[in-house]
Amino acid sequence: MRNRLFYHRWIRQLPILLTGIALSLSVANLGASEVSANTKNEKITQAIETLQQSQQRWIQINLSKQNLVAWEGKTPVYAITISTGKKSTPTRVGSFKIQSKHKSTRMRGRDYDVPNVPHAMFYQGNYGIHGAYWHRRFGTPVSHGCVNVAPNHAKWLFDWASVGTPIVIHK
């Protein structure tokens, strides 16, 4: 009888115990993602500090402010308003380097096909900084993940930067 009573109490408390375990796992997972985000933020901060201590040319893209700053070491030399990826197609955060440059290129995706995209500088796969003649919504995230720049600014950046120029993208 005593074992049966203990068994019934334990069974009645099982949903509470399982909820507690699930909650603990959720909190543990949340903590892991926060640690991952903090680690990424620390690496970005470290990359910026290292670049500012050099005389190197580099590009900083702030997704929250929708702006781009071209730097030579710790000296800003050019600043513009940009348009980055919308929520459904975000611009990737991290440290990159310009891998290729194209005076003009065609860009295609699932729901777009744009010819003659001016002054494209790709830094990771199909992600790049390029001129955007098809909109004037700079300051608002509207792209498919690339960094859109007014064509005249894209030309300046294209002429200033070279393959290998570091790019730091952060929120």
N, C-alpha and C. Protein backbone atom coordinates (compact mmCIF):
# COMPACT_ATOMS: atom_id res chain seq x y z
N MET A 1 0.81 -1.19 0.00
CA MET A 1 0.00 0.00 0.00
C MET A 1 0.87 1.26 0.00
N ARG A 2 1.90 1.22 0.81
CA ARG A 2 2.78 2.38 0.89
C ARG A 2 3.47 2.62 -0.46
N ASN A 3 3.94 1.59 -1.14
CA ASN A 3 4.58 1.74 -2.44
C ASN A 3 3.60 2.27 -3.47
N ARG A 4 2.33 1.82 -3.41
CA ARG A 4 1.32 2.32 -4.34
C ARG A 4 1.07 3.81 -4.16
N LEU A 5 1.05 4.26 -2.90
CA LEU A 5 0.83 5.68 -2.61
C LEU A 5 1.99 6.51 -3.16
N PHE A 6 3.23 6.03 -2.95
CA PHE A 6 4.39 6.74 -3.48
C PHE A 6 4.32 6.79 -5.01
N TYR A 7 3.94 5.67 -5.62
CA TYR A 7 3.85 5.58 -7.07
C TYR A 7 2.83 6.59 -7.60
N HIS A 8 1.65 6.70 -6.97
CA HIS A 8 0.62 7.63 -7.42
C HIS A 8 1.08 9.09 -7.29
N ARG A 9 1.75 9.40 -6.18
CA ARG A 9 2.26 10.77 -6.02
C ARG A 9 3.30 11.09 -7.10
N TRP A 10 4.17 10.12 -7.38
CA TRP A 10 5.21 10.33 -8.37
C TRP A 10 4.60 10.52 -9.75
N ILE A 11 3.60 9.71 -10.10
CA ILE A 11 2.94 9.82 -11.41
C ILE A 11 2.25 11.18 -11.53
N ARG A 12 1.60 11.64 -10.46
CA ARG A 12 0.93 12.94 -10.51
C ARG A 12 1.93 14.07 -10.70
N GLN A 13 3.13 13.90 -10.18
CA GLN A 13 4.14 14.95 -10.30
C GLN A 13 4.95 14.85 -11.58
N LEU A 14 4.80 13.78 -12.36
CA LEU A 14 5.57 13.59 -13.57
C LEU A 14 5.44 14.74 -14.57
N PRO A 15 4.22 15.23 -14.85
CA PRO A 15 4.14 16.37 -15.78
C PRO A 15 4.91 17.60 -15.30
N ILE A 16 4.90 17.83 -14.00
CA ILE A 16 5.64 18.97 -13.45
C ILE A 16 7.14 18.74 -13.62
N LEU A 17 7.60 17.51 -13.35
CA LEU A 17 9.01 17.19 -13.51
C LEU A 17 9.44 17.32 -14.98
N LEU A 18 8.62 16.80 -15.90
CA LEU A 18 8.96 16.88 -17.32
C LEU A 18 8.98 18.33 -17.81
N THR A 19 8.04 19.13 -17.32
CA THR A 19 8.03 20.55 -17.70
C THR A 19 9.30 21.22 -17.22
N GLY A 20 9.72 20.90 -16.01
CA GLY A 20 10.95 21.47 -15.46
C GLY A 20 12.17 21.07 -16.26
N ILE A 21 12.21 19.79 -16.68
CA ILE A 21 13.33 19.32 -17.49
C ILE A 21 13.35 20.04 -18.82
N ALA A 22 12.18 20.14 -19.47
CA ALA A 22 12.09 20.83 -20.76
C ALA A 22 12.51 22.29 -20.63
N LEU A 23 12.06 22.94 -19.56
CA LEU A 23 12.43 24.33 -19.32
C LEU A 23 13.94 24.46 -19.13
N SER A 24 14.53 23.53 -18.37
CA SER A 24 15.98 23.55 -18.16
C SER A 24 16.74 23.40 -19.47
N LEU A 25 16.25 22.47 -20.33
CA LEU A 25 16.90 22.28 -21.62
C LEU A 25 16.77 23.53 -22.48
N SER A 26 15.59 24.18 -22.45
CA SER A 26 15.41 25.41 -23.23
C SER A 26 16.35 26.50 -22.76
N VAL A 27 16.49 26.64 -21.45
CA VAL A 27 17.38 27.66 -20.91
C VAL A 27 18.82 27.33 -21.27
N ALA A 28 19.19 26.04 -21.20
CA ALA A 28 20.55 25.64 -21.56
C ALA A 28 20.82 25.95 -23.03
N ASN A 29 19.86 25.67 -23.91
CA ASN A 29 20.04 25.98 -25.33
C ASN A 29 20.13 27.47 -25.56
N LEU A 30 19.30 28.24 -24.88
CA LEU A 30 19.34 29.69 -25.01
C LEU A 30 20.71 30.20 -24.59
N GLY A 31 21.22 29.67 -23.49
CA GLY A 31 22.54 30.08 -23.02
C GLY A 31 23.62 29.78 -24.04
N ALA A 32 23.52 28.62 -24.70
CA ALA A 32 24.51 28.24 -25.71
C ALA A 32 24.47 29.20 -26.88
N SER A 33 23.27 29.60 -27.32
CA SER A 33 23.19 30.53 -28.45
C SER A 33 23.68 31.91 -28.05
N GLU A 34 23.43 32.31 -26.82
CA GLU A 34 23.94 33.60 -26.36
C GLU A 34 25.46 33.59 -26.31
N VAL A 35 26.04 32.46 -25.85
CA VAL A 35 27.49 32.34 -25.79
C VAL A 35 28.05 32.40 -27.20
N SER A 36 27.39 31.72 -28.15
CA SER A 36 27.83 31.74 -29.55
C SER A 36 27.78 33.16 -30.11
N ALA A 37 26.69 33.88 -29.85
CA ALA A 37 26.55 35.26 -30.32
C ALA A 37 27.61 36.15 -29.68
N ASN A 38 27.84 35.96 -28.38
CA ASN A 38 28.85 36.76 -27.69
C ASN A 38 30.24 36.49 -28.25
N THR A 39 30.53 35.22 -28.56
CA THR A 39 31.82 34.87 -29.13
C THR A 39 32.00 35.54 -30.49
N LYS A 40 30.95 35.51 -31.31
CA LYS A 40 31.02 36.14 -32.63
C LYS A 40 31.22 37.65 -32.48
N ASN A 41 30.48 38.27 -31.55
CA ASN A 41 30.64 39.72 -31.31
C ASN A 41 32.05 40.06 -30.85
N GLU A 42 32.60 39.20 -29.98
CA GLU A 42 33.97 39.44 -29.50
C GLU A 42 34.97 39.35 -30.65
N LYS A 43 34.78 38.37 -31.55
CA LYS A 43 35.69 38.23 -32.70
C LYS A 43 35.58 39.44 -33.62
N ILE A 44 34.37 39.94 -33.82
CA ILE A 44 34.18 41.12 -34.67
C ILE A 44 34.84 42.34 -34.03
N THR A 45 34.62 42.51 -32.74
CA THR A 45 35.25 43.63 -32.02
C THR A 45 36.76 43.54 -32.11
N GLN A 46 37.30 42.34 -31.95
CA GLN A 46 38.74 42.14 -32.03
C GLN A 46 39.25 42.44 -33.45
N ALA A 47 38.50 42.02 -34.46
CA ALA A 47 38.91 42.30 -35.85
C ALA A 47 38.96 43.80 -36.10
N ILE A 48 37.95 44.53 -35.61
CA ILE A 48 37.91 45.99 -35.79
C ILE A 48 39.10 46.64 -35.10
N GLU A 49 39.39 46.23 -33.85
CA GLU A 49 40.51 46.80 -33.11
C GLU A 49 41.84 46.54 -33.82
N THR A 50 41.99 45.34 -34.34
CA THR A 50 43.23 44.99 -35.05
C THR A 50 43.38 45.83 -36.31
N LEU A 51 42.31 45.96 -37.07
CA LEU A 51 42.37 46.76 -38.30
C LEU A 51 42.63 48.23 -38.02
N GLN A 52 42.06 48.74 -36.92
CA GLN A 52 42.27 50.15 -36.58
C GLN A 52 43.71 50.42 -36.14
N GLN A 53 44.40 49.40 -35.69
CA GLN A 53 45.80 49.56 -35.27
C GLN A 53 46.77 49.45 -36.45
N SER A 54 46.23 49.09 -37.62
CA SER A 54 47.07 48.95 -38.81
C SER A 54 46.92 50.22 -39.66
N GLN A 55 47.61 50.21 -40.80
CA GLN A 55 47.43 51.29 -41.78
C GLN A 55 46.61 50.77 -42.96
N GLN A 56 46.06 49.59 -42.80
CA GLN A 56 45.37 48.88 -43.87
C GLN A 56 44.02 49.52 -44.23
N ARG A 57 43.65 49.43 -45.50
CA ARG A 57 42.31 49.83 -45.94
C ARG A 57 41.34 48.71 -45.58
N TRP A 58 40.19 49.09 -45.06
CA TRP A 58 39.18 48.10 -44.72
C TRP A 58 37.80 48.75 -44.72
N ILE A 59 36.76 47.91 -44.78
CA ILE A 59 35.38 48.39 -44.87
C ILE A 59 34.58 47.86 -43.68
N GLN A 60 33.86 48.77 -43.03
CA GLN A 60 32.98 48.41 -41.91
C GLN A 60 31.54 48.63 -42.34
N ILE A 61 30.71 47.63 -42.13
CA ILE A 61 29.29 47.71 -42.46
C ILE A 61 28.49 47.49 -41.19
N ASN A 62 27.69 48.50 -40.83
CA ASN A 62 26.85 48.44 -39.64
C ASN A 62 25.41 48.19 -40.09
N LEU A 63 24.90 46.99 -39.83
CA LEU A 63 23.55 46.63 -40.27
C LEU A 63 22.47 47.41 -39.54
N SER A 64 22.68 47.69 -38.27
CA SER A 64 21.68 48.43 -37.49
C SER A 64 21.52 49.86 -37.98
N LYS A 65 22.65 50.49 -38.33
CA LYS A 65 22.62 51.87 -38.80
C LYS A 65 22.48 51.99 -40.32
N GLN A 66 22.58 50.86 -41.03
CA GLN A 66 22.53 50.85 -42.49
C GLN A 66 23.55 51.82 -43.07
N ASN A 67 24.80 51.69 -42.57
CA ASN A 67 25.85 52.52 -43.14
C ASN A 67 27.12 51.73 -43.38
N LEU A 68 27.95 52.28 -44.23
CA LEU A 68 29.23 51.69 -44.58
C LEU A 68 30.28 52.78 -44.38
N VAL A 69 31.40 52.40 -43.77
CA VAL A 69 32.51 53.32 -43.59
C VAL A 69 33.76 52.66 -44.17
N ALA A 70 34.44 53.37 -45.05
CA ALA A 70 35.73 52.93 -45.57
C ALA A 70 36.80 53.55 -44.67
N TRP A 71 37.73 52.72 -44.22
CA TRP A 71 38.76 53.14 -43.28
C TRP A 71 40.14 52.94 -43.88
N GLU A 72 41.07 53.76 -43.43
CA GLU A 72 42.50 53.52 -43.61
C GLU A 72 43.07 53.52 -42.21
N GLY A 73 43.26 52.30 -41.68
CA GLY A 73 43.65 52.15 -40.28
C GLY A 73 42.53 52.64 -39.38
N LYS A 74 42.84 53.67 -38.59
CA LYS A 74 41.83 54.23 -37.68
C LYS A 74 41.17 55.49 -38.23
N THR A 75 41.50 55.83 -39.48
CA THR A 75 40.96 57.05 -40.08
C THR A 75 39.83 56.73 -41.04
N PRO A 76 38.62 57.22 -40.76
CA PRO A 76 37.53 57.02 -41.72
C PRO A 76 37.74 57.94 -42.93
N VAL A 77 37.62 57.38 -44.14
CA VAL A 77 37.87 58.18 -45.34
C VAL A 77 36.62 58.34 -46.20
N TYR A 78 35.58 57.55 -45.95
CA TYR A 78 34.36 57.62 -46.77
C TYR A 78 33.24 56.97 -45.99
N ALA A 79 32.08 57.61 -45.93
CA ALA A 79 30.93 57.04 -45.21
C ALA A 79 29.66 57.26 -46.03
N ILE A 80 28.85 56.20 -46.15
CA ILE A 80 27.63 56.29 -46.95
C ILE A 80 26.50 55.48 -46.32
N THR A 81 25.29 55.81 -46.72
CA THR A 81 24.11 55.05 -46.33
C THR A 81 23.91 53.93 -47.35
N ILE A 82 23.57 52.76 -46.87
CA ILE A 82 23.46 51.57 -47.70
C ILE A 82 22.10 50.89 -47.51
N SER A 83 21.90 49.83 -48.24
CA SER A 83 20.71 49.00 -48.08
C SER A 83 21.17 47.55 -48.05
N THR A 84 20.92 46.88 -46.93
CA THR A 84 21.36 45.50 -46.77
C THR A 84 20.16 44.55 -46.85
N GLY A 85 20.39 43.30 -46.49
CA GLY A 85 19.38 42.26 -46.62
C GLY A 85 18.16 42.46 -45.74
N LYS A 86 17.00 42.15 -46.32
CA LYS A 86 15.76 42.17 -45.54
C LYS A 86 15.73 40.95 -44.61
N LYS A 87 14.74 40.89 -43.71
CA LYS A 87 14.68 39.81 -42.72
C LYS A 87 14.71 38.42 -43.34
N SER A 88 13.98 38.24 -44.44
CA SER A 88 13.90 36.92 -45.07
C SER A 88 15.18 36.53 -45.81
N THR A 89 16.02 37.51 -46.13
CA THR A 89 17.29 37.26 -46.83
C THR A 89 18.38 38.15 -46.23
N PRO A 90 18.78 37.84 -45.00
CA PRO A 90 19.69 38.75 -44.28
C PRO A 90 21.12 38.78 -44.83
N THR A 91 21.77 39.88 -44.58
CA THR A 91 23.19 40.02 -44.86
C THR A 91 23.94 39.30 -43.75
N ARG A 92 24.93 38.52 -44.12
CA ARG A 92 25.68 37.73 -43.13
C ARG A 92 26.61 38.62 -42.32
N VAL A 93 26.70 38.30 -41.04
CA VAL A 93 27.58 39.02 -40.11
C VAL A 93 28.91 38.29 -40.04
N GLY A 94 30.00 39.04 -39.93
CA GLY A 94 31.30 38.41 -39.77
C GLY A 94 32.41 39.22 -40.41
N SER A 95 33.60 38.60 -40.47
CA SER A 95 34.77 39.21 -41.10
C SER A 95 35.04 38.49 -42.40
N PHE A 96 35.24 39.26 -43.46
CA PHE A 96 35.43 38.71 -44.80
C PHE A 96 36.54 39.49 -45.50
N LYS A 97 36.88 39.06 -46.70
CA LYS A 97 37.80 39.79 -47.57
C LYS A 97 37.22 39.81 -48.97
N ILE A 98 37.45 40.89 -49.69
CA ILE A 98 36.99 40.95 -51.08
C ILE A 98 37.71 39.85 -51.86
N GLN A 99 36.91 39.00 -52.51
CA GLN A 99 37.48 37.87 -53.25
C GLN A 99 37.55 38.12 -54.74
N SER A 100 36.61 38.93 -55.26
CA SER A 100 36.65 39.26 -56.69
C SER A 100 35.95 40.58 -56.93
N LYS A 101 36.33 41.23 -58.04
CA LYS A 101 35.75 42.51 -58.42
C LYS A 101 35.31 42.43 -59.89
N HIS A 102 34.14 43.02 -60.18
CA HIS A 102 33.60 43.01 -61.54
C HIS A 102 32.99 44.38 -61.83
N LYS A 103 33.47 45.04 -62.89
CA LYS A 103 32.93 46.36 -63.24
C LYS A 103 31.44 46.28 -63.52
N SER A 104 31.00 45.17 -64.09
CA SER A 104 29.58 44.97 -64.38
C SER A 104 29.31 43.47 -64.38
N THR A 105 28.18 43.07 -63.82
CA THR A 105 27.83 41.66 -63.78
C THR A 105 26.32 41.49 -63.76
N ARG A 106 25.87 40.30 -64.08
CA ARG A 106 24.45 39.97 -64.00
C ARG A 106 24.24 39.22 -62.70
N MET A 107 23.19 39.59 -61.96
CA MET A 107 22.88 38.90 -60.71
C MET A 107 21.52 38.24 -60.84
N ARG A 108 21.52 36.94 -60.53
CA ARG A 108 20.29 36.16 -60.63
C ARG A 108 20.05 35.42 -59.33
N GLY A 109 18.77 35.32 -59.00
CA GLY A 109 18.35 34.55 -57.84
C GLY A 109 16.99 33.97 -58.11
N ARG A 110 16.40 33.40 -57.08
CA ARG A 110 15.10 32.74 -57.23
C ARG A 110 14.02 33.69 -57.74
N ASP A 111 14.04 34.91 -57.27
CA ASP A 111 12.98 35.84 -57.69
C ASP A 111 13.53 37.17 -58.23
N TYR A 112 14.74 37.12 -58.78
CA TYR A 112 15.29 38.33 -59.41
C TYR A 112 16.30 37.95 -60.50
N ASP A 113 16.44 38.83 -61.44
CA ASP A 113 17.41 38.71 -62.53
C ASP A 113 17.75 40.13 -62.97
N VAL A 114 18.90 40.62 -62.53
CA VAL A 114 19.27 42.02 -62.78
C VAL A 114 20.54 42.08 -63.62
N PRO A 115 20.44 42.63 -64.84
CA PRO A 115 21.63 42.76 -65.69
C PRO A 115 22.41 44.03 -65.34
N ASN A 116 23.66 44.05 -65.76
CA ASN A 116 24.51 45.25 -65.66
C ASN A 116 24.61 45.83 -64.26
N VAL A 117 24.77 44.97 -63.25
CA VAL A 117 24.96 45.46 -61.87
C VAL A 117 26.37 46.06 -61.81
N PRO A 118 26.46 47.35 -61.48
CA PRO A 118 27.76 48.01 -61.55
C PRO A 118 28.63 47.81 -60.30
N HIS A 119 29.93 47.74 -60.56
CA HIS A 119 30.95 47.79 -59.51
C HIS A 119 30.70 46.81 -58.37
N ALA A 120 30.63 45.53 -58.72
CA ALA A 120 30.37 44.47 -57.74
C ALA A 120 31.68 43.95 -57.16
N MET A 121 31.72 43.85 -55.85
CA MET A 121 32.86 43.29 -55.13
C MET A 121 32.32 42.17 -54.24
N PHE A 122 32.64 40.93 -54.59
CA PHE A 122 32.12 39.78 -53.86
C PHE A 122 33.07 39.39 -52.74
N TYR A 123 32.48 39.12 -51.56
CA TYR A 123 33.29 38.77 -50.40
C TYR A 123 33.00 37.38 -49.86
N GLN A 124 31.87 36.77 -50.22
CA GLN A 124 31.59 35.39 -49.82
C GLN A 124 30.54 34.82 -50.77
N GLY A 125 30.95 33.92 -51.64
CA GLY A 125 30.02 33.34 -52.60
C GLY A 125 29.35 34.42 -53.43
N ASN A 126 28.02 34.45 -53.39
CA ASN A 126 27.26 35.46 -54.14
C ASN A 126 26.97 36.72 -53.33
N TYR A 127 27.54 36.83 -52.14
CA TYR A 127 27.35 38.03 -51.31
C TYR A 127 28.39 39.06 -51.69
N GLY A 128 27.93 40.29 -51.89
CA GLY A 128 28.86 41.33 -52.28
C GLY A 128 28.35 42.73 -51.99
N ILE A 129 29.22 43.68 -52.26
CA ILE A 129 28.90 45.11 -52.22
C ILE A 129 28.80 45.52 -53.68
N HIS A 130 27.73 46.20 -54.06
CA HIS A 130 27.59 46.59 -55.46
C HIS A 130 26.64 47.77 -55.61
N GLY A 131 26.74 48.41 -56.76
CA GLY A 131 25.83 49.49 -57.09
C GLY A 131 24.43 48.95 -57.31
N ALA A 132 23.43 49.75 -56.95
CA ALA A 132 22.02 49.38 -57.14
C ALA A 132 21.31 50.55 -57.81
N TYR A 133 21.05 50.42 -59.10
CA TYR A 133 20.37 51.47 -59.86
C TYR A 133 18.85 51.28 -59.86
N TRP A 134 18.36 50.17 -59.36
CA TRP A 134 16.94 49.82 -59.45
C TRP A 134 16.12 50.27 -58.25
N HIS A 135 16.74 50.87 -57.26
CA HIS A 135 15.96 51.42 -56.14
C HIS A 135 16.70 52.61 -55.53
N ARG A 136 15.96 53.37 -54.73
CA ARG A 136 16.51 54.54 -54.03
C ARG A 136 16.17 54.45 -52.54
N ARG A 137 16.04 53.24 -52.04
CA ARG A 137 15.61 53.04 -50.65
C ARG A 137 16.79 52.79 -49.71
N PHE A 138 17.88 53.53 -49.94
CA PHE A 138 19.05 53.37 -49.10
C PHE A 138 18.72 53.82 -47.68
N GLY A 139 19.21 53.06 -46.71
CA GLY A 139 18.86 53.27 -45.31
C GLY A 139 17.81 52.27 -44.85
N THR A 140 17.28 51.47 -45.78
CA THR A 140 16.26 50.47 -45.48
C THR A 140 16.73 49.11 -45.99
N PRO A 141 16.66 48.06 -45.18
CA PRO A 141 17.03 46.72 -45.67
C PRO A 141 16.03 46.22 -46.72
N VAL A 142 16.47 46.09 -47.96
CA VAL A 142 15.59 45.61 -49.04
C VAL A 142 16.26 44.57 -49.94
N SER A 143 17.53 44.27 -49.72
CA SER A 143 18.26 43.40 -50.65
C SER A 143 18.03 41.93 -50.34
N HIS A 144 18.62 41.10 -51.17
CA HIS A 144 18.57 39.65 -50.99
C HIS A 144 19.80 39.16 -50.22
N GLY A 145 20.47 40.06 -49.52
CA GLY A 145 21.62 39.70 -48.70
C GLY A 145 22.86 40.49 -49.02
N CYS A 146 22.91 41.06 -50.22
CA CYS A 146 24.07 41.88 -50.60
C CYS A 146 23.98 43.26 -49.95
N VAL A 147 25.06 44.00 -50.09
CA VAL A 147 25.11 45.37 -49.62
C VAL A 147 24.92 46.27 -50.84
N ASN A 148 23.74 46.89 -50.92
CA ASN A 148 23.41 47.80 -52.03
C ASN A 148 23.93 49.20 -51.71
N VAL A 149 24.53 49.81 -52.75
CA VAL A 149 25.12 51.13 -52.64
C VAL A 149 24.69 51.92 -53.87
N ALA A 150 24.49 53.21 -53.73
CA ALA A 150 24.18 54.04 -54.90
C ALA A 150 25.34 53.89 -55.90
N PRO A 151 25.03 53.88 -57.20
CA PRO A 151 26.07 53.62 -58.20
C PRO A 151 27.32 54.50 -58.11
N ASN A 152 27.14 55.79 -57.83
CA ASN A 152 28.33 56.66 -57.73
C ASN A 152 29.21 56.27 -56.54
N HIS A 153 28.60 55.86 -55.43
CA HIS A 153 29.37 55.41 -54.27
C HIS A 153 30.03 54.06 -54.54
N ALA A 154 29.31 53.19 -55.27
CA ALA A 154 29.88 51.88 -55.61
C ALA A 154 31.15 52.05 -56.45
N LYS A 155 31.14 53.02 -57.35
CA LYS A 155 32.32 53.28 -58.19
C LYS A 155 33.49 53.74 -57.33
N TRP A 156 33.22 54.66 -56.39
CA TRP A 156 34.29 55.14 -55.52
C TRP A 156 34.90 53.97 -54.74
N LEU A 157 34.04 53.15 -54.12
CA LEU A 157 34.52 52.00 -53.34
C LEU A 157 35.30 51.02 -54.21
N PHE A 158 34.78 50.76 -55.41
CA PHE A 158 35.41 49.84 -56.34
C PHE A 158 36.82 50.30 -56.70
N ASP A 159 36.98 51.60 -56.95
CA ASP A 159 38.29 52.16 -57.29
C ASP A 159 39.23 52.18 -56.09
N TRP A 160 38.70 52.32 -54.89
CA TRP A 160 39.49 52.46 -53.67
C TRP A 160 39.95 51.10 -53.12
N ALA A 161 39.06 50.11 -53.16
CA ALA A 161 39.34 48.80 -52.56
C ALA A 161 40.00 47.87 -53.58
N SER A 162 40.69 46.87 -53.06
CA SER A 162 41.30 45.87 -53.93
C SER A 162 40.92 44.47 -53.44
N VAL A 163 41.19 43.48 -54.27
CA VAL A 163 40.96 42.10 -53.84
C VAL A 163 41.80 41.88 -52.58
N GLY A 164 41.19 41.32 -51.56
CA GLY A 164 41.86 41.12 -50.27
C GLY A 164 41.52 42.15 -49.22
N THR A 165 40.87 43.25 -49.61
CA THR A 165 40.47 44.27 -48.63
C THR A 165 39.51 43.65 -47.62
N PRO A 166 39.81 43.78 -46.31
CA PRO A 166 38.92 43.22 -45.29
C PRO A 166 37.58 43.96 -45.21
N ILE A 167 36.54 43.20 -44.90
CA ILE A 167 35.20 43.73 -44.67
C ILE A 167 34.71 43.17 -43.36
N VAL A 168 34.25 44.05 -42.47
CA VAL A 168 33.70 43.62 -41.19
C VAL A 168 32.23 44.04 -41.17
N ILE A 169 31.35 43.06 -41.02
CA ILE A 169 29.90 43.31 -41.00
C ILE A 169 29.37 42.94 -39.62
N HIS A 170 28.66 43.89 -39.01
CA HIS A 170 28.13 43.66 -37.66
C HIS A 170 26.77 44.33 -37.52
N LYS A 171 26.08 43.96 -36.42
CA LYS A 171 24.78 44.55 -36.12
C LYS A 171 24.94 45.77 -35.26
